[in-house]
């Protein structure tokens, strides 16, 4: 890794352009998903880990915006095919841990709309 890349990772990047809108959308979706996990899954170490992974994903997504977005790129909208694939990946991961049920599936679909 180049020294400049490391420096860029640790510098403050004030929001520019439409970045605040992008941060807000990422934060909103992550919060909804974390609440869904908390509301639907039994209280357990696995549920806590799932919520922390959502937090980690949120932080990395925001870092991607801060480090690599010029603030001019329009907000993308997920196509229904992309939503379906994202949903299936999430369901597969939670099914593997035994945490996916019909209520979870419905909530995940609502969040990914």
C-alpha atoms as a PDB file:
ATOM      1  CA  UNK A   1       0.000   0.000   0.000  1.00  0.00           C
ATOM      2  CA  UNK A   2       1.286   3.421  -0.894  1.00  0.00           C
ATOM      3  CA  UNK A   3       1.970   5.929   1.876  1.00  0.00           C
ATOM      4  CA  UNK A   4      -0.473   8.392   0.247  1.00  0.00           C
ATOM      5  CA  UNK A   5      -3.235   5.771   0.386  1.00  0.00           C
ATOM      6  CA  UNK A   6      -2.675   5.272   4.107  1.00  0.00           C
ATOM      7  CA  UNK A   7      -2.593   9.037   4.680  1.00  0.00           C
ATOM      8  CA  UNK A   8      -5.876   9.386   2.778  1.00  0.00           C
ATOM      9  CA  UNK A   9      -7.506   6.712   4.959  1.00  0.00           C
ATOM     10  CA  UNK A  10      -6.651   8.590   8.155  1.00  0.00           C
ATOM     11  CA  UNK A  11      -7.338  12.172   7.022  1.00  0.00           C
ATOM     12  CA  UNK A  12     -10.612  13.919   7.754  1.00  0.00           C
ATOM     13  CA  UNK A  13     -12.793  14.192   4.658  1.00  0.00           C
ATOM     14  CA  UNK A  14     -15.485  16.856   5.128  1.00  0.00           C
ATOM     15  CA  UNK A  15     -18.688  16.049   3.229  1.00  0.00           C
ATOM     16  CA  UNK A  16     -19.037  17.608  -0.214  1.00  0.00           C
ATOM     17  CA  UNK A  17     -21.862  17.810  -2.723  1.00  0.00           C
ATOM     18  CA  UNK A  18     -24.495  15.133  -2.181  1.00  0.00           C
ATOM     19  CA  UNK A  19     -22.406  12.994   0.164  1.00  0.00           C
ATOM     20  CA  UNK A  20     -24.562  13.886   3.213  1.00  0.00           C
ATOM     21  CA  UNK A  21     -27.609  12.491   1.377  1.00  0.00           C
ATOM     22  CA  UNK A  22     -25.694   9.286   0.651  1.00  0.00           C
ATOM     23  CA  UNK A  23     -24.540   8.962   4.268  1.00  0.00           C
ATOM     24  CA  UNK A  24     -28.109   9.481   5.474  1.00  0.00           C
ATOM     25  CA  UNK A  25     -29.458   6.780   3.137  1.00  0.00           C
ATOM     26  CA  UNK A  26     -26.794   4.264   4.199  1.00  0.00           C
ATOM     27  CA  UNK A  27     -27.404   5.078   7.874  1.00  0.00           C
ATOM     28  CA  UNK A  28     -31.198   4.801   7.499  1.00  0.00           C
ATOM     29  CA  UNK A  29     -31.052   1.398   5.788  1.00  0.00           C
ATOM     30  CA  UNK A  30     -28.488   0.072   8.284  1.00  0.00           C
ATOM     31  CA  UNK A  31     -30.572   1.257  11.255  1.00  0.00           C
ATOM     32  CA  UNK A  32     -33.731  -0.343   9.826  1.00  0.00           C
ATOM     33  CA  UNK A  33     -31.916  -3.616   9.273  1.00  0.00           C
ATOM     34  CA  UNK A  34     -30.344  -3.579  12.748  1.00  0.00           C
ATOM     35  CA  UNK A  35     -33.801  -2.980  14.279  1.00  0.00           C
ATOM     36  CA  UNK A  36     -35.225  -5.836  12.185  1.00  0.00           C
ATOM     37  CA  UNK A  37     -32.561  -8.199  13.494  1.00  0.00           C
ATOM     38  CA  UNK A  38     -33.152  -7.030  17.065  1.00  0.00           C
ATOM     39  CA  UNK A  39     -36.947  -7.299  16.773  1.00  0.00           C
ATOM     40  CA  UNK A  40     -37.109 -10.629  14.957  1.00  0.00           C
ATOM     41  CA  UNK A  41     -34.151 -12.691  16.160  1.00  0.00           C
ATOM     42  CA  UNK A  42     -33.994 -14.216  19.595  1.00  0.00           C
ATOM     43  CA  UNK A  43     -31.641 -12.406  21.952  1.00  0.00           C
ATOM     44  CA  UNK A  44     -28.364 -14.232  21.479  1.00  0.00           C
ATOM     45  CA  UNK A  45     -24.676 -13.824  20.800  1.00  0.00           C
ATOM     46  CA  UNK A  46     -25.401 -14.451  17.117  1.00  0.00           C
ATOM     47  CA  UNK A  47     -27.992 -11.644  16.983  1.00  0.00           C
ATOM     48  CA  UNK A  48     -25.522  -9.278  18.639  1.00  0.00           C
ATOM     49  CA  UNK A  49     -22.857 -10.272  16.124  1.00  0.00           C
ATOM     50  CA  UNK A  50     -25.320  -9.701  13.272  1.00  0.00           C
ATOM     51  CA  UNK A  51     -26.087  -6.177  14.539  1.00  0.00           C
ATOM     52  CA  UNK A  52     -22.384  -5.417  14.939  1.00  0.00           C
ATOM     53  CA  UNK A  53     -21.763  -6.631  11.366  1.00  0.00           C
ATOM     54  CA  UNK A  54     -24.461  -4.213  10.158  1.00  0.00           C
ATOM     55  CA  UNK A  55     -22.684  -1.454  12.108  1.00  0.00           C
ATOM     56  CA  UNK A  56     -19.371  -2.446  10.537  1.00  0.00           C
ATOM     57  CA  UNK A  57     -20.898  -2.525   7.046  1.00  0.00           C
ATOM     58  CA  UNK A  58     -22.416   0.932   7.628  1.00  0.00           C
ATOM     59  CA  UNK A  59     -19.064   2.356   8.711  1.00  0.00           C
ATOM     60  CA  UNK A  60     -17.238   0.855   5.724  1.00  0.00           C
ATOM     61  CA  UNK A  61     -19.914   2.085   3.301  1.00  0.00           C
ATOM     62  CA  UNK A  62     -19.607   5.601   4.712  1.00  0.00           C
ATOM     63  CA  UNK A  63     -15.822   5.357   4.452  1.00  0.00           C
ATOM     64  CA  UNK A  64     -16.165   4.337   0.789  1.00  0.00           C
ATOM     65  CA  UNK A  65     -18.214   7.489   0.183  1.00  0.00           C
ATOM     66  CA  UNK A  66     -15.755   9.707   2.084  1.00  0.00           C
ATOM     67  CA  UNK A  67     -12.683   8.275   0.361  1.00  0.00           C
ATOM     68  CA  UNK A  68     -13.877   7.621  -3.173  1.00  0.00           C
ATOM     69  CA  UNK A  69     -17.001   9.656  -3.987  1.00  0.00           C
ATOM     70  CA  UNK A  70     -16.713  13.123  -5.522  1.00  0.00           C
ATOM     71  CA  UNK A  71     -20.099  14.240  -4.180  1.00  0.00           C
ATOM     72  CA  UNK A  72     -21.409  14.780  -7.711  1.00  0.00           C
ATOM     73  CA  UNK A  73     -22.440  11.243  -8.608  1.00  0.00           C
ATOM     74  CA  UNK A  74     -26.236  10.892  -8.438  1.00  0.00           C
ATOM     75  CA  UNK A  75     -27.765   8.656  -5.810  1.00  0.00           C
ATOM     76  CA  UNK A  76     -28.147   5.244  -7.425  1.00  0.00           C
ATOM     77  CA  UNK A  77     -31.376   3.335  -7.101  1.00  0.00           C
ATOM     78  CA  UNK A  78     -31.262  -0.431  -6.849  1.00  0.00           C
ATOM     79  CA  UNK A  79     -33.066  -2.267  -9.604  1.00  0.00           C
ATOM     80  CA  UNK A  80     -35.506  -4.944  -8.542  1.00  0.00           C
ATOM     81  CA  UNK A  81     -33.063  -7.621  -9.748  1.00  0.00           C
ATOM     82  CA  UNK A  82     -30.259  -6.222  -7.604  1.00  0.00           C
ATOM     83  CA  UNK A  83     -32.646  -5.987  -4.641  1.00  0.00           C
ATOM     84  CA  UNK A  84     -33.701  -9.592  -5.091  1.00  0.00           C
ATOM     85  CA  UNK A  85     -30.087 -10.773  -5.234  1.00  0.00           C
ATOM     86  CA  UNK A  86     -29.124  -8.741  -2.164  1.00  0.00           C
ATOM     87  CA  UNK A  87     -32.136 -10.070  -0.290  1.00  0.00           C
ATOM     88  CA  UNK A  88     -31.395 -13.667  -1.184  1.00  0.00           C
ATOM     89  CA  UNK A  89     -27.782 -13.290  -0.033  1.00  0.00           C
ATOM     90  CA  UNK A  90     -28.944 -11.887   3.310  1.00  0.00           C
ATOM     91  CA  UNK A  91     -31.563 -14.590   3.753  1.00  0.00           C
ATOM     92  CA  UNK A  92     -29.024 -17.301   2.902  1.00  0.00           C
ATOM     93  CA  UNK A  93     -26.609 -15.969   5.519  1.00  0.00           C
ATOM     94  CA  UNK A  94     -29.241 -15.802   8.244  1.00  0.00           C
ATOM     95  CA  UNK A  95     -30.786 -19.137   7.270  1.00  0.00           C
ATOM     96  CA  UNK A  96     -27.376 -20.722   7.811  1.00  0.00           C
ATOM     97  CA  UNK A  97     -27.453 -19.473  11.410  1.00  0.00           C
ATOM     98  CA  UNK A  98     -31.091 -20.472  11.919  1.00  0.00           C
ATOM     99  CA  UNK A  99     -32.204 -16.857  12.384  1.00  0.00           C
ATOM    100  CA  UNK A 100     -34.310 -16.414   9.202  1.00  0.00           C
ATOM    101  CA  UNK A 101     -38.059 -16.823   9.507  1.00  0.00           C
ATOM    102  CA  UNK A 102     -41.022 -15.540   7.501  1.00  0.00           C
ATOM    103  CA  UNK A 103     -41.226 -12.298   9.500  1.00  0.00           C
ATOM    104  CA  UNK A 104     -37.517 -11.707   8.904  1.00  0.00           C
ATOM    105  CA  UNK A 105     -37.916 -12.349   5.167  1.00  0.00           C
ATOM    106  CA  UNK A 106     -40.806  -9.873   4.941  1.00  0.00           C
ATOM    107  CA  UNK A 107     -38.930  -7.184   6.883  1.00  0.00           C
ATOM    108  CA  UNK A 108     -35.820  -7.644   4.735  1.00  0.00           C
ATOM    109  CA  UNK A 109     -37.920  -7.220   1.585  1.00  0.00           C
ATOM    110  CA  UNK A 110     -39.448  -4.016   2.968  1.00  0.00           C
ATOM    111  CA  UNK A 111     -36.037  -2.586   3.825  1.00  0.00           C
ATOM    112  CA  UNK A 112     -34.547  -3.351   0.430  1.00  0.00           C
ATOM    113  CA  UNK A 113     -37.376  -1.657  -1.518  1.00  0.00           C
END
